[in-house]
């Protein structure tokens, strides 16, 4: 039975323009190509009205909404190129862009497939692809993406650790500089404090004649040269301190005792007899003064620091020497 073709009024869902398409179906799904933009699409044809006269114009049969878009078709010379692809090993049907007749294919290899329409001999190009291979490729790409993300995170972690290490080293350097500054500050504070030297024990000098007693201090006269070293003690707001110049050689200082007299004696029960010895000796043309602690039963403090027995310190101008309740100030005049 020869069914006459029907002319349908179709509205393209891509460009929105109307075009006419022919079909032998009275109803059902048809595939058409827009004559304006070459977009391939599927439409559902309405069934004819019941009781309609046989001479009813065929252009009253319209299509319903399209099912899906098959893809655009472009004309390149004498060949038609379909945008959509076909899966390998799966039967695929599409309509000829030239005559609107269906064409069925089942590609076996990936790549561009050239199909010749049996009705109009139009050459149609459609691309076949391997779905499994593309899935594997997508999985591999996802794996590579995850690997790159892992590497990026590792690099970020390394950068973070390097930054932390850099900050730690900076903090250590700042701490080292702070300690160095603290050490320099202490050295500056100790500029006026004497340095300690180890000397051999100095034997007691030979007994000298008993000095002339006085109220507080007795100085045994000795035939030595006067140096520029001076000891000061006592004094106050309205009175000048007591002063005594040191002689060259050794000078013994201690509590007044007729049995073991010292060169400079103080009436101080908390001071040891022959407590310290000051040696005045020229070194490199400069007179130097060295204090040696002979006995530390009663502590000897130099600038507030206790000097052990047998230890010696180099005296500088302004040094405070405390023995018992007596405080002496060493001056260079």
C-alpha atoms as a PDB file:
ATOM      1  CA  UNK A   1       0.000   0.000   0.000  1.00  0.00           C
ATOM      2  CA  UNK A   2       1.438   3.297  -1.090  1.00  0.00           C
ATOM      3  CA  UNK A   3       0.986   5.909   1.693  1.00  0.00           C
ATOM      4  CA  UNK A   4       1.192   9.477   0.367  1.00  0.00           C
ATOM      5  CA  UNK A   5       3.734  11.782   1.973  1.00  0.00           C
ATOM      6  CA  UNK A   6       2.508  14.417   4.397  1.00  0.00           C
ATOM      7  CA  UNK A   7       3.886  17.929   4.670  1.00  0.00           C
ATOM      8  CA  UNK A   8       4.444  19.080   8.252  1.00  0.00           C
ATOM      9  CA  UNK A   9       4.931  22.609   9.542  1.00  0.00           C
ATOM     10  CA  UNK A  10       7.883  22.359  11.984  1.00  0.00           C
ATOM     11  CA  UNK A  11       9.376  25.042  14.247  1.00  0.00           C
ATOM     12  CA  UNK A  12      13.129  24.576  14.804  1.00  0.00           C
ATOM     13  CA  UNK A  13      14.092  24.536  18.475  1.00  0.00           C
ATOM     14  CA  UNK A  14      17.574  25.903  17.619  1.00  0.00           C
ATOM     15  CA  UNK A  15      16.863  28.960  15.433  1.00  0.00           C
ATOM     16  CA  UNK A  16      13.099  29.257  16.112  1.00  0.00           C
ATOM     17  CA  UNK A  17      12.190  29.457  12.422  1.00  0.00           C
ATOM     18  CA  UNK A  18       9.477  27.420  10.700  1.00  0.00           C
ATOM     19  CA  UNK A  19      10.252  24.966   7.914  1.00  0.00           C
ATOM     20  CA  UNK A  20       8.383  22.176   6.106  1.00  0.00           C
ATOM     21  CA  UNK A  21       9.238  18.497   6.411  1.00  0.00           C
ATOM     22  CA  UNK A  22       7.745  15.498   4.605  1.00  0.00           C
ATOM     23  CA  UNK A  23       6.928  12.134   6.176  1.00  0.00           C
ATOM     24  CA  UNK A  24       4.985   9.009   5.270  1.00  0.00           C
ATOM     25  CA  UNK A  25       4.045   8.407   8.912  1.00  0.00           C
ATOM     26  CA  UNK A  26       0.589   9.263  10.089  1.00  0.00           C
ATOM     27  CA  UNK A  27       1.796   9.471  13.707  1.00  0.00           C
ATOM     28  CA  UNK A  28       4.803   8.725  15.858  1.00  0.00           C
ATOM     29  CA  UNK A  29       8.415   9.885  16.091  1.00  0.00           C
ATOM     30  CA  UNK A  30      10.066  11.426  13.030  1.00  0.00           C
ATOM     31  CA  UNK A  31      13.521  12.857  12.444  1.00  0.00           C
ATOM     32  CA  UNK A  32      13.926  16.097  10.528  1.00  0.00           C
ATOM     33  CA  UNK A  33      16.676  18.587   9.736  1.00  0.00           C
ATOM     34  CA  UNK A  34      16.093  22.333   9.819  1.00  0.00           C
ATOM     35  CA  UNK A  35      16.467  23.873   6.372  1.00  0.00           C
ATOM     36  CA  UNK A  36      17.717  27.132   7.963  1.00  0.00           C
ATOM     37  CA  UNK A  37      20.368  26.069  10.523  1.00  0.00           C
ATOM     38  CA  UNK A  38      20.811  22.310   9.671  1.00  0.00           C
ATOM     39  CA  UNK A  39      19.976  21.266  13.252  1.00  0.00           C
ATOM     40  CA  UNK A  40      18.899  17.606  13.390  1.00  0.00           C
ATOM     41  CA  UNK A  41      16.014  16.958  15.796  1.00  0.00           C
ATOM     42  CA  UNK A  42      13.215  14.538  16.542  1.00  0.00           C
ATOM     43  CA  UNK A  43       9.499  15.355  16.703  1.00  0.00           C
ATOM     44  CA  UNK A  44       6.373  13.475  17.722  1.00  0.00           C
ATOM     45  CA  UNK A  45       3.628  13.743  15.026  1.00  0.00           C
ATOM     46  CA  UNK A  46       0.052  14.128  16.209  1.00  0.00           C
ATOM     47  CA  UNK A  47      -2.454  11.548  14.971  1.00  0.00           C
ATOM     48  CA  UNK A  48      -5.036  12.835  12.411  1.00  0.00           C
ATOM     49  CA  UNK A  49      -8.326  14.025  13.750  1.00  0.00           C
ATOM     50  CA  UNK A  50     -11.083  11.441  13.862  1.00  0.00           C
ATOM     51  CA  UNK A  51     -13.767  12.149  11.236  1.00  0.00           C
ATOM     52  CA  UNK A  52     -11.637  14.623   9.327  1.00  0.00           C
ATOM     53  CA  UNK A  53     -12.557  14.794   5.603  1.00  0.00           C
ATOM     54  CA  UNK A  54     -10.175  13.140   3.175  1.00  0.00           C
ATOM     55  CA  UNK A  55      -9.620  16.407   1.342  1.00  0.00           C
ATOM     56  CA  UNK A  56      -8.503  18.271   4.524  1.00  0.00           C
ATOM     57  CA  UNK A  57      -5.332  20.237   3.844  1.00  0.00           C
ATOM     58  CA  UNK A  58      -2.285  18.352   5.040  1.00  0.00           C
ATOM     59  CA  UNK A  59      -0.618  21.497   6.422  1.00  0.00           C
ATOM     60  CA  UNK A  60      -3.042  21.372   9.364  1.00  0.00           C
ATOM     61  CA  UNK A  61      -1.129  18.422  10.769  1.00  0.00           C
ATOM     62  CA  UNK A  62       1.486  19.963  13.094  1.00  0.00           C
ATOM     63  CA  UNK A  63       4.159  18.454  15.263  1.00  0.00           C
ATOM     64  CA  UNK A  64       4.341  18.336  19.002  1.00  0.00           C
ATOM     65  CA  UNK A  65       7.358  19.433  21.104  1.00  0.00           C
ATOM     66  CA  UNK A  66      10.643  17.836  20.014  1.00  0.00           C
ATOM     67  CA  UNK A  67      12.017  14.815  21.870  1.00  0.00           C
ATOM     68  CA  UNK A  68      15.725  15.702  21.608  1.00  0.00           C
ATOM     69  CA  UNK A  69      18.214  17.498  19.422  1.00  0.00           C
ATOM     70  CA  UNK A  70      20.440  15.219  17.382  1.00  0.00           C
ATOM     71  CA  UNK A  71      23.018  17.901  16.676  1.00  0.00           C
ATOM     72  CA  UNK A  72      23.746  20.421  14.002  1.00  0.00           C
ATOM     73  CA  UNK A  73      24.540  19.402  10.453  1.00  0.00           C
ATOM     74  CA  UNK A  74      26.990  21.453   8.374  1.00  0.00           C
ATOM     75  CA  UNK A  75      27.432  21.235   4.635  1.00  0.00           C
ATOM     76  CA  UNK A  76      31.098  21.133   3.650  1.00  0.00           C
ATOM     77  CA  UNK A  77      31.349  20.999  -0.129  1.00  0.00           C
ATOM     78  CA  UNK A  78      29.420  17.942  -1.235  1.00  0.00           C
ATOM     79  CA  UNK A  79      29.344  16.230   2.132  1.00  0.00           C
ATOM     80  CA  UNK A  80      27.195  16.612   5.223  1.00  0.00           C
ATOM     81  CA  UNK A  81      28.917  16.508   8.644  1.00  0.00           C
ATOM     82  CA  UNK A  82      26.834  15.557  11.679  1.00  0.00           C
ATOM     83  CA  UNK A  83      27.955  17.008  14.978  1.00  0.00           C
ATOM     84  CA  UNK A  84      26.792  14.138  17.203  1.00  0.00           C
ATOM     85  CA  UNK A  85      28.829  10.952  17.513  1.00  0.00           C
ATOM     86  CA  UNK A  86      27.890   7.267  17.329  1.00  0.00           C
ATOM     87  CA  UNK A  87      29.073   4.522  19.703  1.00  0.00           C
ATOM     88  CA  UNK A  88      31.127   1.625  18.391  1.00  0.00           C
ATOM     89  CA  UNK A  89      29.236  -1.702  18.292  1.00  0.00           C
ATOM     90  CA  UNK A  90      25.846  -0.065  18.837  1.00  0.00           C
ATOM     91  CA  UNK A  91      23.246   0.359  16.132  1.00  0.00           C
ATOM     92  CA  UNK A  92      22.566   4.033  15.471  1.00  0.00           C
ATOM     93  CA  UNK A  93      20.010   5.595  13.168  1.00  0.00           C
ATOM     94  CA  UNK A  94      19.871   9.129  11.872  1.00  0.00           C
ATOM     95  CA  UNK A  95      18.111  10.925   9.080  1.00  0.00           C
ATOM     96  CA  UNK A  96      19.689  12.018   5.849  1.00  0.00           C
ATOM     97  CA  UNK A  97      20.134  15.789   5.934  1.00  0.00           C
ATOM     98  CA  UNK A  98      19.317  15.963   2.219  1.00  0.00           C
ATOM     99  CA  UNK A  99      16.283  13.720   1.725  1.00  0.00           C
ATOM    100  CA  UNK A 100      15.126  13.273   5.350  1.00  0.00           C
ATOM    101  CA  UNK A 101      15.200   9.499   4.980  1.00  0.00           C
ATOM    102  CA  UNK A 102      16.399   7.355   7.905  1.00  0.00           C
ATOM    103  CA  UNK A 103      19.867   5.809   7.750  1.00  0.00           C
ATOM    104  CA  UNK A 104      20.947   2.995  10.110  1.00  0.00           C
ATOM    105  CA  UNK A 105      24.601   2.199  10.890  1.00  0.00           C
ATOM    106  CA  UNK A 106      26.581   0.093  13.371  1.00  0.00           C
ATOM    107  CA  UNK A 107      30.201   1.383  13.478  1.00  0.00           C
ATOM    108  CA  UNK A 108      32.937  -1.130  14.244  1.00  0.00           C
ATOM    109  CA  UNK A 109      35.981   1.166  14.439  1.00  0.00           C
ATOM    110  CA  UNK A 110      36.453   4.633  15.888  1.00  0.00           C
ATOM    111  CA  UNK A 111      36.891   7.627  13.640  1.00  0.00           C
ATOM    112  CA  UNK A 112      34.949   9.378  10.920  1.00  0.00           C
ATOM    113  CA  UNK A 113      32.475   7.137   9.138  1.00  0.00           C
ATOM    114  CA  UNK A 114      31.397   8.101   5.598  1.00  0.00           C
ATOM    115  CA  UNK A 115      27.831   6.918   4.924  1.00  0.00           C
ATOM    116  CA  UNK A 116      26.174   7.166   1.500  1.00  0.00           C
ATOM    117  CA  UNK A 117      22.417   7.605   1.528  1.00  0.00           C
ATOM    118  CA  UNK A 118      20.737   4.900  -0.574  1.00  0.00           C
ATOM    119  CA  UNK A 119      17.930   7.226  -1.629  1.00  0.00           C
ATOM    120  CA  UNK A 120      19.759  10.420  -2.628  1.00  0.00           C
ATOM    121  CA  UNK A 121      23.421   9.285  -2.691  1.00  0.00           C
ATOM    122  CA  UNK A 122      24.327  12.084  -0.288  1.00  0.00           C
ATOM    123  CA  UNK A 123      27.568  11.551   1.608  1.00  0.00           C
ATOM    124  CA  UNK A 124      27.123  11.920   5.341  1.00  0.00           C
ATOM    125  CA  UNK A 125      30.084  12.053   7.762  1.00  0.00           C
ATOM    126  CA  UNK A 126      29.508  10.938  11.325  1.00  0.00           C
ATOM    127  CA  UNK A 127      32.161  10.288  13.985  1.00  0.00           C
ATOM    128  CA  UNK A 128      32.225   6.952  15.818  1.00  0.00           C
ATOM    129  CA  UNK A 129      33.851   6.618  19.230  1.00  0.00           C
ATOM    130  CA  UNK A 130      34.746   3.849  21.637  1.00  0.00           C
ATOM    131  CA  UNK A 131      32.686   4.453  24.768  1.00  0.00           C
ATOM    132  CA  UNK A 132      34.759   2.027  26.869  1.00  0.00           C
ATOM    133  CA  UNK A 133      38.023   3.594  25.708  1.00  0.00           C
ATOM    134  CA  UNK A 134      36.694   7.055  26.495  1.00  0.00           C
ATOM    135  CA  UNK A 135      35.556   5.841  29.903  1.00  0.00           C
ATOM    136  CA  UNK A 136      39.022   4.436  30.537  1.00  0.00           C
ATOM    137  CA  UNK A 137      40.493   7.693  29.312  1.00  0.00           C
ATOM    138  CA  UNK A 138      38.233   9.649  31.631  1.00  0.00           C
ATOM    139  CA  UNK A 139      39.230   7.405  34.538  1.00  0.00           C
ATOM    140  CA  UNK A 140      42.906   7.861  33.660  1.00  0.00           C
ATOM    141  CA  UNK A 141      42.423  11.601  33.423  1.00  0.00           C
ATOM    142  CA  UNK A 142      40.669  11.557  36.793  1.00  0.00           C
ATOM    143  CA  UNK A 143      43.517   9.505  38.238  1.00  0.00           C
ATOM    144  CA  UNK A 144      46.043  11.965  36.820  1.00  0.00           C
ATOM    145  CA  UNK A 145      44.001  14.843  38.206  1.00  0.00           C
ATOM    146  CA  UNK A 146      43.965  13.216  41.635  1.00  0.00           C
ATOM    147  CA  UNK A 147      47.711  12.523  41.377  1.00  0.00           C
ATOM    148  CA  UNK A 148      48.333  16.143  40.439  1.00  0.00           C
ATOM    149  CA  UNK A 149      46.154  17.239  43.355  1.00  0.00           C
ATOM    150  CA  UNK A 150      48.125  14.942  45.679  1.00  0.00           C
ATOM    151  CA  UNK A 151      51.419  16.331  44.371  1.00  0.00           C
ATOM    152  CA  UNK A 152      50.082  19.863  44.754  1.00  0.00           C
ATOM    153  CA  UNK A 153      49.074  19.150  48.342  1.00  0.00           C
ATOM    154  CA  UNK A 154      52.496  17.625  49.043  1.00  0.00           C
ATOM    155  CA  UNK A 155      54.200  20.672  47.575  1.00  0.00           C
ATOM    156  CA  UNK A 156      51.928  22.918  49.611  1.00  0.00           C
ATOM    157  CA  UNK A 157      52.794  20.923  52.732  1.00  0.00           C
ATOM    158  CA  UNK A 158      56.504  21.160  51.909  1.00  0.00           C
ATOM    159  CA  UNK A 159      56.198  24.913  51.411  1.00  0.00           C
ATOM    160  CA  UNK A 160      54.343  25.188  54.696  1.00  0.00           C
ATOM    161  CA  UNK A 161      57.032  23.168  56.487  1.00  0.00           C
ATOM    162  CA  UNK A 162      59.784  25.225  54.858  1.00  0.00           C
ATOM    163  CA  UNK A 163      58.015  28.409  55.946  1.00  0.00           C
ATOM    164  CA  UNK A 164      57.726  27.075  59.491  1.00  0.00           C
ATOM    165  CA  UNK A 165      61.407  26.089  59.436  1.00  0.00           C
ATOM    166  CA  UNK A 166      62.310  29.557  58.176  1.00  0.00           C
ATOM    167  CA  UNK A 167      60.263  31.196  60.914  1.00  0.00           C
ATOM    168  CA  UNK A 168      61.846  28.878  63.502  1.00  0.00           C
ATOM    169  CA  UNK A 169      65.341  29.804  62.310  1.00  0.00           C
ATOM    170  CA  UNK A 170      64.416  33.482  62.387  1.00  0.00           C
ATOM    171  CA  UNK A 171      63.181  33.100  65.944  1.00  0.00           C
ATOM    172  CA  UNK A 172      66.375  31.249  66.893  1.00  0.00           C
ATOM    173  CA  UNK A 173      68.444  34.003  65.264  1.00  0.00           C
ATOM    174  CA  UNK A 174      66.469  36.663  67.108  1.00  0.00           C
ATOM    175  CA  UNK A 175      66.957  34.754  70.359  1.00  0.00           C
ATOM    176  CA  UNK A 176      70.684  34.466  69.649  1.00  0.00           C
ATOM    177  CA  UNK A 177      70.886  38.210  68.940  1.00  0.00           C
ATOM    178  CA  UNK A 178      68.944  38.926  72.112  1.00  0.00           C
ATOM    179  CA  UNK A 179      71.327  36.762  74.138  1.00  0.00           C
ATOM    180  CA  UNK A 180      74.285  38.450  72.446  1.00  0.00           C
ATOM    181  CA  UNK A 181      72.865  41.865  73.307  1.00  0.00           C
ATOM    182  CA  UNK A 182      72.262  40.697  76.861  1.00  0.00           C
ATOM    183  CA  UNK A 183      75.860  39.459  77.065  1.00  0.00           C
ATOM    184  CA  UNK A 184      77.178  42.782  75.725  1.00  0.00           C
ATOM    185  CA  UNK A 185      74.988  44.662  78.186  1.00  0.00           C
ATOM    186  CA  UNK A 186      76.360  42.623  81.081  1.00  0.00           C
ATOM    187  CA  UNK A 187      79.891  43.185  79.834  1.00  0.00           C
ATOM    188  CA  UNK A 188      79.230  46.923  79.727  1.00  0.00           C
ATOM    189  CA  UNK A 189      77.834  46.781  83.243  1.00  0.00           C
ATOM    190  CA  UNK A 190      80.943  44.932  84.380  1.00  0.00           C
ATOM    191  CA  UNK A 191      83.347  47.383  82.765  1.00  0.00           C
ATOM    192  CA  UNK A 192      83.966  48.975  86.141  1.00  0.00           C
ATOM    193  CA  UNK A 193      84.231  45.606  87.854  1.00  0.00           C
ATOM    194  CA  UNK A 194      87.703  44.063  88.094  1.00  0.00           C
ATOM    195  CA  UNK A 195      88.683  40.866  86.365  1.00  0.00           C
ATOM    196  CA  UNK A 196      89.825  37.909  88.428  1.00  0.00           C
ATOM    197  CA  UNK A 197      93.256  36.395  88.080  1.00  0.00           C
ATOM    198  CA  UNK A 198      94.751  33.325  89.703  1.00  0.00           C
ATOM    199  CA  UNK A 199      97.976  33.969  91.510  1.00  0.00           C
ATOM    200  CA  UNK A 200     100.130  31.840  93.749  1.00  0.00           C
ATOM    201  CA  UNK A 201      99.598  32.270  97.432  1.00  0.00           C
ATOM    202  CA  UNK A 202     101.576  35.210  98.711  1.00  0.00           C
ATOM    203  CA  UNK A 203     103.465  34.418 101.948  1.00  0.00           C
ATOM    204  CA  UNK A 204     103.041  36.657 104.912  1.00  0.00           C
ATOM    205  CA  UNK A 205     105.672  39.366 105.107  1.00  0.00           C
ATOM    206  CA  UNK A 206     108.226  39.428 107.881  1.00  0.00           C
ATOM    207  CA  UNK A 207     106.998  40.917 111.142  1.00  0.00           C
ATOM    208  CA  UNK A 208     107.479  44.637 111.381  1.00  0.00           C
ATOM    209  CA  UNK A 209     107.731  46.853 114.400  1.00  0.00           C
ATOM    210  CA  UNK A 210     104.486  47.489 116.136  1.00  0.00           C
ATOM    211  CA  UNK A 211     102.870  50.648 114.700  1.00  0.00           C
ATOM    212  CA  UNK A 212     101.937  53.607 116.819  1.00  0.00           C
ATOM    213  CA  UNK A 213      98.367  53.057 118.015  1.00  0.00           C
ATOM    214  CA  UNK A 214      95.661  55.525 117.101  1.00  0.00           C
ATOM    215  CA  UNK A 215      91.916  55.799 117.512  1.00  0.00           C
ATOM    216  CA  UNK A 216      90.972  54.187 114.222  1.00  0.00           C
ATOM    217  CA  UNK A 217      93.770  53.671 111.751  1.00  0.00           C
ATOM    218  CA  UNK A 218      97.487  53.006 112.115  1.00  0.00           C
ATOM    219  CA  UNK A 219      99.816  53.207 109.094  1.00  0.00           C
ATOM    220  CA  UNK A 220     103.195  51.594 109.468  1.00  0.00           C
ATOM    221  CA  UNK A 221     105.729  53.866 107.805  1.00  0.00           C
ATOM    222  CA  UNK A 222     107.831  52.184 105.154  1.00  0.00           C
ATOM    223  CA  UNK A 223     110.456  53.700 102.915  1.00  0.00           C
ATOM    224  CA  UNK A 224     108.702  53.280  99.578  1.00  0.00           C
ATOM    225  CA  UNK A 225     107.604  55.563  96.779  1.00  0.00           C
ATOM    226  CA  UNK A 226     104.140  57.001  96.730  1.00  0.00           C
ATOM    227  CA  UNK A 227     101.969  55.848  93.817  1.00  0.00           C
ATOM    228  CA  UNK A 228      98.919  57.376  92.184  1.00  0.00           C
ATOM    229  CA  UNK A 229      96.658  54.865  93.934  1.00  0.00           C
ATOM    230  CA  UNK A 230      94.551  56.082  96.812  1.00  0.00           C
ATOM    231  CA  UNK A 231      92.123  54.499  99.264  1.00  0.00           C
ATOM    232  CA  UNK A 232      89.185  56.511 100.593  1.00  0.00           C
ATOM    233  CA  UNK A 233      86.701  55.702 103.340  1.00  0.00           C
ATOM    234  CA  UNK A 234      84.277  57.416 105.649  1.00  0.00           C
ATOM    235  CA  UNK A 235      83.140  60.978 105.076  1.00  0.00           C
ATOM    236  CA  UNK A 236      79.662  62.264 104.570  1.00  0.00           C
ATOM    237  CA  UNK A 237      77.567  65.115 103.300  1.00  0.00           C
ATOM    238  CA  UNK A 238      79.385  67.788 105.299  1.00  0.00           C
ATOM    239  CA  UNK A 239      82.758  66.070 105.701  1.00  0.00           C
ATOM    240  CA  UNK A 240      85.437  64.861 103.342  1.00  0.00           C
ATOM    241  CA  UNK A 241      86.391  61.161 103.266  1.00  0.00           C
ATOM    242  CA  UNK A 242      89.558  59.838 104.810  1.00  0.00           C
ATOM    243  CA  UNK A 243      92.316  59.309 102.247  1.00  0.00           C
ATOM    244  CA  UNK A 244      95.574  57.424 102.172  1.00  0.00           C
ATOM    245  CA  UNK A 245      97.980  57.029  99.270  1.00  0.00           C
ATOM    246  CA  UNK A 246      99.319  53.594  98.451  1.00  0.00           C
ATOM    247  CA  UNK A 247     103.036  52.921  98.230  1.00  0.00           C
ATOM    248  CA  UNK A 248     104.721  50.784  95.636  1.00  0.00           C
ATOM    249  CA  UNK A 249     105.185  47.160  96.436  1.00  0.00           C
ATOM    250  CA  UNK A 250     102.838  45.206  98.695  1.00  0.00           C
ATOM    251  CA  UNK A 251     100.466  46.788 101.198  1.00  0.00           C
ATOM    252  CA  UNK A 252      98.655  44.658 103.779  1.00  0.00           C
ATOM    253  CA  UNK A 253      95.210  45.733 104.996  1.00  0.00           C
ATOM    254  CA  UNK A 254      93.414  44.148 107.932  1.00  0.00           C
ATOM    255  CA  UNK A 255      91.998  44.413 111.431  1.00  0.00           C
ATOM    256  CA  UNK A 256      94.185  46.081 114.045  1.00  0.00           C
ATOM    257  CA  UNK A 257      96.121  43.393 115.921  1.00  0.00           C
ATOM    258  CA  UNK A 258      99.431  43.930 117.764  1.00  0.00           C
ATOM    259  CA  UNK A 259     100.501  40.338 117.142  1.00  0.00           C
ATOM    260  CA  UNK A 260      99.881  40.316 113.373  1.00  0.00           C
ATOM    261  CA  UNK A 261      99.964  43.954 112.312  1.00  0.00           C
ATOM    262  CA  UNK A 262      99.088  45.134 108.806  1.00  0.00           C
ATOM    263  CA  UNK A 263     100.337  48.127 106.836  1.00  0.00           C
ATOM    264  CA  UNK A 264      96.861  49.702 107.049  1.00  0.00           C
ATOM    265  CA  UNK A 265      94.801  48.650 110.078  1.00  0.00           C
ATOM    266  CA  UNK A 266      91.160  49.287 110.900  1.00  0.00           C
ATOM    267  CA  UNK A 267      89.363  48.879 114.186  1.00  0.00           C
ATOM    268  CA  UNK A 268      86.654  46.624 112.795  1.00  0.00           C
ATOM    269  CA  UNK A 269      85.783  43.408 114.657  1.00  0.00           C
ATOM    270  CA  UNK A 270      84.215  41.907 111.512  1.00  0.00           C
ATOM    271  CA  UNK A 271      87.403  42.347 109.446  1.00  0.00           C
ATOM    272  CA  UNK A 272      90.060  39.644 109.267  1.00  0.00           C
ATOM    273  CA  UNK A 273      93.611  40.245 110.337  1.00  0.00           C
ATOM    274  CA  UNK A 274      95.724  40.762 107.254  1.00  0.00           C
ATOM    275  CA  UNK A 275      92.606  40.372 105.176  1.00  0.00           C
ATOM    276  CA  UNK A 276      93.889  41.575 101.785  1.00  0.00           C
ATOM    277  CA  UNK A 277      97.082  42.606 100.085  1.00  0.00           C
ATOM    278  CA  UNK A 278      97.372  45.298  97.372  1.00  0.00           C
ATOM    279  CA  UNK A 279     100.386  45.021  95.072  1.00  0.00           C
ATOM    280  CA  UNK A 280     101.426  48.142  93.155  1.00  0.00           C
ATOM    281  CA  UNK A 281     103.723  47.248  90.276  1.00  0.00           C
ATOM    282  CA  UNK A 282     104.606  49.003  87.025  1.00  0.00           C
ATOM    283  CA  UNK A 283     103.597  47.121  83.883  1.00  0.00           C
ATOM    284  CA  UNK A 284     104.471  48.458  80.447  1.00  0.00           C
ATOM    285  CA  UNK A 285     105.151  51.837  81.965  1.00  0.00           C
ATOM    286  CA  UNK A 286     101.790  51.960  83.814  1.00  0.00           C
ATOM    287  CA  UNK A 287     101.319  51.389  87.525  1.00  0.00           C
ATOM    288  CA  UNK A 288      98.870  48.556  88.102  1.00  0.00           C
ATOM    289  CA  UNK A 289      97.192  47.637  91.364  1.00  0.00           C
ATOM    290  CA  UNK A 290      96.219  44.032  92.180  1.00  0.00           C
ATOM    291  CA  UNK A 291      94.180  43.024  95.218  1.00  0.00           C
ATOM    292  CA  UNK A 292      94.706  39.507  96.619  1.00  0.00           C
ATOM    293  CA  UNK A 293      92.470  38.020  99.328  1.00  0.00           C
ATOM    294  CA  UNK A 294      94.647  36.448 102.014  1.00  0.00           C
ATOM    295  CA  UNK A 295      91.849  35.298 104.327  1.00  0.00           C
ATOM    296  CA  UNK A 296      88.152  34.991 103.592  1.00  0.00           C
ATOM    297  CA  UNK A 297      86.940  33.881 107.021  1.00  0.00           C
ATOM    298  CA  UNK A 298      85.302  37.289 106.957  1.00  0.00           C
ATOM    299  CA  UNK A 299      84.116  37.842 103.350  1.00  0.00           C
ATOM    300  CA  UNK A 300      85.800  40.384 101.085  1.00  0.00           C
ATOM    301  CA  UNK A 301      83.472  41.985  98.499  1.00  0.00           C
ATOM    302  CA  UNK A 302      84.738  43.839  95.419  1.00  0.00           C
ATOM    303  CA  UNK A 303      81.933  45.819  93.766  1.00  0.00           C
ATOM    304  CA  UNK A 304      79.459  43.600  95.609  1.00  0.00           C
ATOM    305  CA  UNK A 305      81.041  40.344  94.421  1.00  0.00           C
ATOM    306  CA  UNK A 306      82.751  38.038  96.879  1.00  0.00           C
ATOM    307  CA  UNK A 307      86.364  37.204  96.080  1.00  0.00           C
ATOM    308  CA  UNK A 308      87.520  33.789  97.382  1.00  0.00           C
ATOM    309  CA  UNK A 309      90.707  33.306  99.337  1.00  0.00           C
ATOM    310  CA  UNK A 310      93.788  33.126  97.145  1.00  0.00           C
ATOM    311  CA  UNK A 311      92.093  34.918  94.219  1.00  0.00           C
ATOM    312  CA  UNK A 312      93.352  38.235  92.851  1.00  0.00           C
ATOM    313  CA  UNK A 313      91.569  41.026  91.002  1.00  0.00           C
ATOM    314  CA  UNK A 314      92.900  43.954  89.013  1.00  0.00           C
ATOM    315  CA  UNK A 315      91.749  47.212  90.597  1.00  0.00           C
ATOM    316  CA  UNK A 316      90.316  50.039  88.547  1.00  0.00           C
ATOM    317  CA  UNK A 317      89.447  53.530  89.645  1.00  0.00           C
ATOM    318  CA  UNK A 318      86.138  53.657  91.495  1.00  0.00           C
ATOM    319  CA  UNK A 319      86.165  50.040  92.698  1.00  0.00           C
ATOM    320  CA  UNK A 320      84.442  49.470  96.068  1.00  0.00           C
ATOM    321  CA  UNK A 321      86.186  47.106  98.512  1.00  0.00           C
ATOM    322  CA  UNK A 322      84.140  45.995 101.514  1.00  0.00           C
ATOM    323  CA  UNK A 323      85.759  44.193 104.452  1.00  0.00           C
ATOM    324  CA  UNK A 324      83.575  43.716 107.484  1.00  0.00           C
ATOM    325  CA  UNK A 325      81.764  47.016 108.152  1.00  0.00           C
ATOM    326  CA  UNK A 326      84.415  49.085 106.391  1.00  0.00           C
ATOM    327  CA  UNK A 327      84.027  50.101 102.731  1.00  0.00           C
ATOM    328  CA  UNK A 328      87.067  51.397 100.860  1.00  0.00           C
ATOM    329  CA  UNK A 329      87.018  53.153  97.514  1.00  0.00           C
ATOM    330  CA  UNK A 330      90.062  52.782  95.270  1.00  0.00           C
ATOM    331  CA  UNK A 331      90.896  55.892  93.229  1.00  0.00           C
ATOM    332  CA  UNK A 332      93.572  56.805  90.723  1.00  0.00           C
ATOM    333  CA  UNK A 333      94.747  60.339  91.305  1.00  0.00           C
END
